[in-house]
Amino acid sequence: MKKLRAAHLYLGCIFAPMLIFFAVSGLWQTLPIGITLHSRIFALLSSIHTSHGMKVGSLTSIYMMGFVILMALSLIFTIVLGVIMAFKFGHKRAALYCLAGGIAVPLIFVLMALHR
């Protein structure tokens, strides 16, 4: 378990800056914030988040795409490790309720949107 904790810790530290960047760029693309001050800069930075291929005028490269794939796989791995550690070292019932809530709440929102 010590090796799993260390993997969780170090993978989290390696990918935390990019995960924060993706979260922030997702926010400024989702929220109706009129970012006009440096909109060209925001659009360019958003190209990392939204590019599905290497488009001209984007910051995406084959190396960045590889890093993002590695980041996504590591995020999945560290989340699974975090859930395992929550059950192993925390209160099992509380961890179960939190996990169930994390599944149920977004599912309810999706179902509500489908029935509009």
N, C-alpha and C. Protein backbone atom coordinates (compact mmCIF):
# COMPACT_ATOMS: atom_id res chain seq x y z
N MET A 1 0.82 -1.19 0.00
CA MET A 1 0.00 0.00 0.00
C MET A 1 0.86 1.26 0.00
N LYS A 2 2.08 1.17 0.58
CA LYS A 2 2.96 2.33 0.57
C LYS A 2 3.32 2.75 -0.86
N LYS A 3 3.53 1.77 -1.73
CA LYS A 3 3.88 2.09 -3.12
C LYS A 3 2.69 2.74 -3.84
N LEU A 4 1.48 2.28 -3.54
CA LEU A 4 0.29 2.89 -4.15
C LEU A 4 0.10 4.32 -3.67
N ARG A 5 0.33 4.55 -2.39
CA ARG A 5 0.23 5.91 -1.86
C ARG A 5 1.27 6.83 -2.50
N ALA A 6 2.49 6.31 -2.65
CA ALA A 6 3.55 7.11 -3.27
C ALA A 6 3.21 7.41 -4.73
N ALA A 7 2.69 6.41 -5.45
CA ALA A 7 2.28 6.64 -6.85
C ALA A 7 1.20 7.70 -6.91
N HIS A 8 0.22 7.62 -6.02
CA HIS A 8 -0.86 8.61 -5.96
C HIS A 8 -0.30 10.01 -5.71
N LEU A 9 0.61 10.10 -4.77
CA LEU A 9 1.22 11.38 -4.40
C LEU A 9 2.00 11.99 -5.56
N TYR A 10 2.91 11.24 -6.13
CA TYR A 10 3.80 11.80 -7.14
C TYR A 10 3.12 12.03 -8.48
N LEU A 11 2.21 11.14 -8.87
CA LEU A 11 1.45 11.39 -10.10
C LEU A 11 0.59 12.64 -9.94
N GLY A 12 0.01 12.81 -8.76
CA GLY A 12 -0.77 14.02 -8.49
C GLY A 12 0.08 15.27 -8.60
N CYS A 13 1.29 15.23 -8.07
CA CYS A 13 2.19 16.39 -8.15
C CYS A 13 2.64 16.67 -9.58
N ILE A 14 2.91 15.63 -10.34
CA ILE A 14 3.37 15.81 -11.72
C ILE A 14 2.28 16.47 -12.56
N PHE A 15 1.06 15.98 -12.43
CA PHE A 15 0.01 16.42 -13.34
C PHE A 15 -0.89 17.51 -12.76
N ALA A 16 -0.71 17.90 -11.51
CA ALA A 16 -1.56 18.93 -10.90
C ALA A 16 -1.57 20.24 -11.69
N PRO A 17 -0.43 20.77 -12.15
CA PRO A 17 -0.50 22.04 -12.90
C PRO A 17 -1.37 21.95 -14.16
N MET A 18 -1.24 20.87 -14.92
CA MET A 18 -2.05 20.74 -16.13
C MET A 18 -3.52 20.49 -15.80
N LEU A 19 -3.79 19.75 -14.75
CA LEU A 19 -5.17 19.52 -14.37
C LEU A 19 -5.84 20.82 -13.94
N ILE A 20 -5.10 21.65 -13.22
CA ILE A 20 -5.63 22.97 -12.84
C ILE A 20 -5.85 23.81 -14.09
N PHE A 21 -4.90 23.79 -15.02
CA PHE A 21 -5.07 24.53 -16.27
C PHE A 21 -6.33 24.08 -17.01
N PHE A 22 -6.52 22.75 -17.14
CA PHE A 22 -7.70 22.24 -17.84
C PHE A 22 -8.98 22.64 -17.11
N ALA A 23 -8.96 22.61 -15.79
CA ALA A 23 -10.14 23.02 -15.03
C ALA A 23 -10.44 24.50 -15.24
N VAL A 24 -9.42 25.34 -15.20
CA VAL A 24 -9.62 26.78 -15.38
C VAL A 24 -10.05 27.10 -16.82
N SER A 25 -9.40 26.48 -17.81
CA SER A 25 -9.79 26.76 -19.20
C SER A 25 -11.19 26.22 -19.47
N GLY A 26 -11.56 25.13 -18.84
CA GLY A 26 -12.93 24.63 -18.97
C GLY A 26 -13.92 25.59 -18.35
N LEU A 27 -13.53 26.22 -17.23
CA LEU A 27 -14.41 27.22 -16.61
C LEU A 27 -14.63 28.42 -17.51
N TRP A 28 -13.54 28.97 -18.07
CA TRP A 28 -13.73 30.17 -18.88
C TRP A 28 -14.42 29.87 -20.20
N GLN A 29 -14.47 28.60 -20.60
CA GLN A 29 -15.23 28.24 -21.79
C GLN A 29 -16.68 27.94 -21.45
N THR A 30 -16.96 27.56 -20.20
CA THR A 30 -18.30 27.17 -19.79
C THR A 30 -19.10 28.35 -19.25
N LEU A 31 -18.48 29.15 -18.41
CA LEU A 31 -19.19 30.26 -17.79
C LEU A 31 -19.31 31.43 -18.76
N PRO A 32 -20.41 32.15 -18.67
CA PRO A 32 -20.60 33.29 -19.58
C PRO A 32 -19.82 34.53 -19.12
N ILE A 33 -18.52 34.38 -19.03
CA ILE A 33 -17.66 35.50 -18.62
C ILE A 33 -17.16 36.17 -19.89
N GLY A 34 -17.40 37.44 -20.01
CA GLY A 34 -16.95 38.16 -21.20
C GLY A 34 -15.47 38.49 -21.10
N ILE A 35 -14.63 37.55 -21.45
CA ILE A 35 -13.19 37.77 -21.38
C ILE A 35 -12.77 38.44 -22.70
N THR A 36 -12.67 39.74 -22.66
CA THR A 36 -12.32 40.47 -23.87
C THR A 36 -10.94 41.10 -23.78
N LEU A 37 -10.39 41.20 -22.58
CA LEU A 37 -9.12 41.88 -22.40
C LEU A 37 -8.03 41.27 -23.26
N HIS A 38 -7.84 40.00 -23.14
CA HIS A 38 -6.83 39.31 -23.92
C HIS A 38 -7.48 38.10 -24.60
N SER A 39 -8.57 38.34 -25.32
CA SER A 39 -9.34 37.22 -25.85
C SER A 39 -8.53 36.37 -26.82
N ARG A 40 -7.58 36.96 -27.53
CA ARG A 40 -6.75 36.18 -28.44
C ARG A 40 -5.87 35.21 -27.66
N ILE A 41 -5.35 35.66 -26.53
CA ILE A 41 -4.53 34.80 -25.68
C ILE A 41 -5.38 33.68 -25.10
N PHE A 42 -6.59 34.01 -24.62
CA PHE A 42 -7.48 32.99 -24.07
C PHE A 42 -7.88 31.98 -25.15
N ALA A 43 -8.14 32.45 -26.36
CA ALA A 43 -8.50 31.55 -27.45
C ALA A 43 -7.34 30.61 -27.77
N LEU A 44 -6.12 31.14 -27.78
CA LEU A 44 -4.95 30.31 -28.05
C LEU A 44 -4.74 29.28 -26.95
N LEU A 45 -4.85 29.71 -25.69
CA LEU A 45 -4.71 28.77 -24.57
C LEU A 45 -5.82 27.72 -24.60
N SER A 46 -7.01 28.13 -25.00
CA SER A 46 -8.12 27.19 -25.09
C SER A 46 -7.89 26.13 -26.15
N SER A 47 -7.04 26.44 -27.13
CA SER A 47 -6.79 25.46 -28.18
C SER A 47 -6.12 24.20 -27.62
N ILE A 48 -5.40 24.33 -26.51
CA ILE A 48 -4.81 23.15 -25.87
C ILE A 48 -5.94 22.26 -25.35
N HIS A 49 -6.96 22.89 -24.81
CA HIS A 49 -8.08 22.18 -24.20
C HIS A 49 -9.04 21.59 -25.24
N THR A 50 -9.18 22.27 -26.36
CA THR A 50 -10.25 21.90 -27.30
C THR A 50 -9.78 21.27 -28.60
N SER A 51 -8.50 21.32 -28.89
CA SER A 51 -8.03 20.80 -30.18
C SER A 51 -8.13 19.29 -30.24
N HIS A 52 -8.72 18.81 -31.32
CA HIS A 52 -8.82 17.37 -31.53
C HIS A 52 -7.78 16.92 -32.53
N GLY A 53 -7.07 17.82 -33.08
CA GLY A 53 -6.00 17.53 -34.02
C GLY A 53 -5.03 18.67 -33.98
N MET A 54 -4.00 18.57 -34.74
CA MET A 54 -3.00 19.63 -34.73
C MET A 54 -3.38 20.67 -35.78
N LYS A 55 -4.14 21.66 -35.34
CA LYS A 55 -4.62 22.71 -36.23
C LYS A 55 -3.59 23.84 -36.28
N VAL A 56 -3.58 24.52 -37.41
CA VAL A 56 -2.72 25.69 -37.53
C VAL A 56 -3.26 26.75 -36.58
N GLY A 57 -2.38 27.39 -35.85
CA GLY A 57 -2.79 28.43 -34.91
C GLY A 57 -3.18 27.90 -33.54
N SER A 58 -2.92 26.62 -33.28
CA SER A 58 -3.20 26.09 -31.94
C SER A 58 -1.88 25.75 -31.27
N LEU A 59 -1.95 25.55 -29.99
CA LEU A 59 -0.75 25.21 -29.22
C LEU A 59 -0.56 23.71 -29.09
N THR A 60 -1.38 22.95 -29.79
CA THR A 60 -1.30 21.50 -29.70
C THR A 60 -0.17 20.97 -30.58
N SER A 61 0.56 20.03 -30.05
CA SER A 61 1.60 19.32 -30.81
C SER A 61 1.46 17.85 -30.49
N ILE A 62 2.15 17.02 -31.21
CA ILE A 62 2.11 15.59 -30.94
C ILE A 62 2.62 15.29 -29.53
N TYR A 63 3.56 16.09 -29.06
CA TYR A 63 4.10 15.91 -27.71
C TYR A 63 3.07 16.31 -26.66
N MET A 64 2.38 17.43 -26.91
CA MET A 64 1.34 17.88 -25.98
C MET A 64 0.19 16.87 -25.96
N MET A 65 -0.18 16.34 -27.11
CA MET A 65 -1.25 15.35 -27.16
C MET A 65 -0.85 14.10 -26.38
N GLY A 66 0.39 13.67 -26.52
CA GLY A 66 0.87 12.52 -25.75
C GLY A 66 0.86 12.79 -24.26
N PHE A 67 1.27 14.00 -23.88
CA PHE A 67 1.28 14.38 -22.47
C PHE A 67 -0.14 14.40 -21.91
N VAL A 68 -1.09 14.92 -22.69
CA VAL A 68 -2.48 14.98 -22.24
C VAL A 68 -3.05 13.57 -22.10
N ILE A 69 -2.73 12.68 -23.02
CA ILE A 69 -3.19 11.29 -22.90
C ILE A 69 -2.61 10.66 -21.65
N LEU A 70 -1.31 10.86 -21.41
CA LEU A 70 -0.67 10.34 -20.21
C LEU A 70 -1.30 10.94 -18.95
N MET A 71 -1.60 12.23 -19.01
CA MET A 71 -2.23 12.91 -17.87
C MET A 71 -3.61 12.32 -17.60
N ALA A 72 -4.40 12.08 -18.64
CA ALA A 72 -5.74 11.53 -18.46
C ALA A 72 -5.68 10.13 -17.86
N LEU A 73 -4.77 9.31 -18.36
CA LEU A 73 -4.63 7.96 -17.81
C LEU A 73 -4.15 7.99 -16.37
N SER A 74 -3.22 8.90 -16.07
CA SER A 74 -2.73 9.03 -14.70
C SER A 74 -3.81 9.57 -13.78
N LEU A 75 -4.64 10.47 -14.29
CA LEU A 75 -5.75 11.00 -13.49
C LEU A 75 -6.70 9.86 -13.12
N ILE A 76 -7.05 9.04 -14.09
CA ILE A 76 -7.93 7.90 -13.82
C ILE A 76 -7.30 6.99 -12.77
N PHE A 77 -6.02 6.70 -12.94
CA PHE A 77 -5.30 5.83 -12.01
C PHE A 77 -5.28 6.42 -10.60
N THR A 78 -4.96 7.71 -10.49
CA THR A 78 -4.87 8.32 -9.15
C THR A 78 -6.25 8.46 -8.52
N ILE A 79 -7.29 8.67 -9.31
CA ILE A 79 -8.64 8.72 -8.75
C ILE A 79 -9.02 7.35 -8.18
N VAL A 80 -8.75 6.30 -8.94
CA VAL A 80 -9.03 4.94 -8.44
C VAL A 80 -8.24 4.68 -7.17
N LEU A 81 -6.96 5.07 -7.15
CA LEU A 81 -6.16 4.90 -5.93
C LEU A 81 -6.75 5.69 -4.77
N GLY A 82 -7.21 6.91 -5.04
CA GLY A 82 -7.83 7.72 -3.99
C GLY A 82 -9.08 7.08 -3.42
N VAL A 83 -9.90 6.50 -4.28
CA VAL A 83 -11.11 5.81 -3.80
C VAL A 83 -10.72 4.58 -2.98
N ILE A 84 -9.75 3.84 -3.46
CA ILE A 84 -9.29 2.66 -2.70
C ILE A 84 -8.77 3.10 -1.32
N MET A 85 -7.98 4.17 -1.28
CA MET A 85 -7.44 4.64 0.00
C MET A 85 -8.55 5.17 0.90
N ALA A 86 -9.59 5.79 0.31
CA ALA A 86 -10.71 6.26 1.13
C ALA A 86 -11.39 5.10 1.84
N PHE A 87 -11.56 3.99 1.14
CA PHE A 87 -12.19 2.82 1.75
C PHE A 87 -11.25 2.13 2.74
N LYS A 88 -9.96 2.12 2.42
CA LYS A 88 -9.00 1.40 3.26
C LYS A 88 -8.67 2.19 4.54
N PHE A 89 -8.49 3.51 4.42
CA PHE A 89 -8.02 4.30 5.55
C PHE A 89 -9.08 5.20 6.16
N GLY A 90 -10.19 5.39 5.48
CA GLY A 90 -11.25 6.26 5.99
C GLY A 90 -12.39 5.45 6.56
N HIS A 91 -13.50 6.11 6.73
CA HIS A 91 -14.71 5.44 7.18
C HIS A 91 -15.40 4.87 5.95
N LYS A 92 -15.54 3.56 5.92
CA LYS A 92 -16.07 2.88 4.73
C LYS A 92 -17.46 3.36 4.36
N ARG A 93 -18.31 3.54 5.35
CA ARG A 93 -19.68 3.97 5.07
C ARG A 93 -19.70 5.38 4.49
N ALA A 94 -18.90 6.28 5.06
CA ALA A 94 -18.85 7.65 4.55
C ALA A 94 -18.29 7.67 3.13
N ALA A 95 -17.26 6.87 2.89
CA ALA A 95 -16.68 6.79 1.54
C ALA A 95 -17.70 6.26 0.55
N LEU A 96 -18.48 5.27 0.96
CA LEU A 96 -19.51 4.71 0.09
C LEU A 96 -20.59 5.74 -0.22
N TYR A 97 -21.03 6.49 0.80
CA TYR A 97 -22.04 7.53 0.57
C TYR A 97 -21.52 8.62 -0.35
N CYS A 98 -20.27 9.02 -0.16
CA CYS A 98 -19.68 10.06 -1.02
C CYS A 98 -19.57 9.57 -2.46
N LEU A 99 -19.13 8.35 -2.63
CA LEU A 99 -19.00 7.77 -3.97
C LEU A 99 -20.37 7.67 -4.64
N ALA A 100 -21.36 7.20 -3.89
CA ALA A 100 -22.72 7.10 -4.44
C ALA A 100 -23.27 8.48 -4.80
N GLY A 101 -23.01 9.46 -3.96
CA GLY A 101 -23.45 10.83 -4.26
C GLY A 101 -22.76 11.40 -5.48
N GLY A 102 -21.48 11.08 -5.62
CA GLY A 102 -20.74 11.56 -6.78
C GLY A 102 -21.22 10.95 -8.08
N ILE A 103 -21.87 9.80 -8.00
CA ILE A 103 -22.47 9.18 -9.17
C ILE A 103 -23.89 9.68 -9.37
N ALA A 104 -24.66 9.74 -8.28
CA ALA A 104 -26.09 10.05 -8.36
C ALA A 104 -26.37 11.50 -8.75
N VAL A 105 -25.65 12.46 -8.17
CA VAL A 105 -25.96 13.87 -8.42
C VAL A 105 -25.80 14.24 -9.89
N PRO A 106 -24.66 13.95 -10.54
CA PRO A 106 -24.58 14.31 -11.97
C PRO A 106 -25.57 13.51 -12.82
N LEU A 107 -25.85 12.27 -12.43
CA LEU A 107 -26.82 11.47 -13.16
C LEU A 107 -28.21 12.10 -13.09
N ILE A 108 -28.58 12.60 -11.94
CA ILE A 108 -29.87 13.29 -11.78
C ILE A 108 -29.91 14.53 -12.68
N PHE A 109 -28.81 15.31 -12.71
CA PHE A 109 -28.78 16.50 -13.56
C PHE A 109 -28.91 16.15 -15.03
N VAL A 110 -28.26 15.08 -15.47
CA VAL A 110 -28.36 14.64 -16.87
C VAL A 110 -29.79 14.21 -17.18
N LEU A 111 -30.38 13.44 -16.28
CA LEU A 111 -31.77 13.00 -16.50
C LEU A 111 -32.73 14.18 -16.52
N MET A 112 -32.50 15.18 -15.67
CA MET A 112 -33.34 16.38 -15.67
C MET A 112 -33.21 17.11 -17.01
N ALA A 113 -31.99 17.19 -17.52
CA ALA A 113 -31.78 17.87 -18.80
C ALA A 113 -32.44 17.12 -19.94
N LEU A 114 -32.46 15.80 -19.89
CA LEU A 114 -33.07 15.00 -20.94
C LEU A 114 -34.59 15.13 -20.95
N HIS A 115 -35.18 15.42 -19.80
CA HIS A 115 -36.63 15.51 -19.70
C HIS A 115 -37.16 16.92 -19.83
N ARG A 116 -36.35 17.83 -20.29
CA ARG A 116 -36.81 19.22 -20.50
C ARG A 116 -37.62 19.31 -21.74
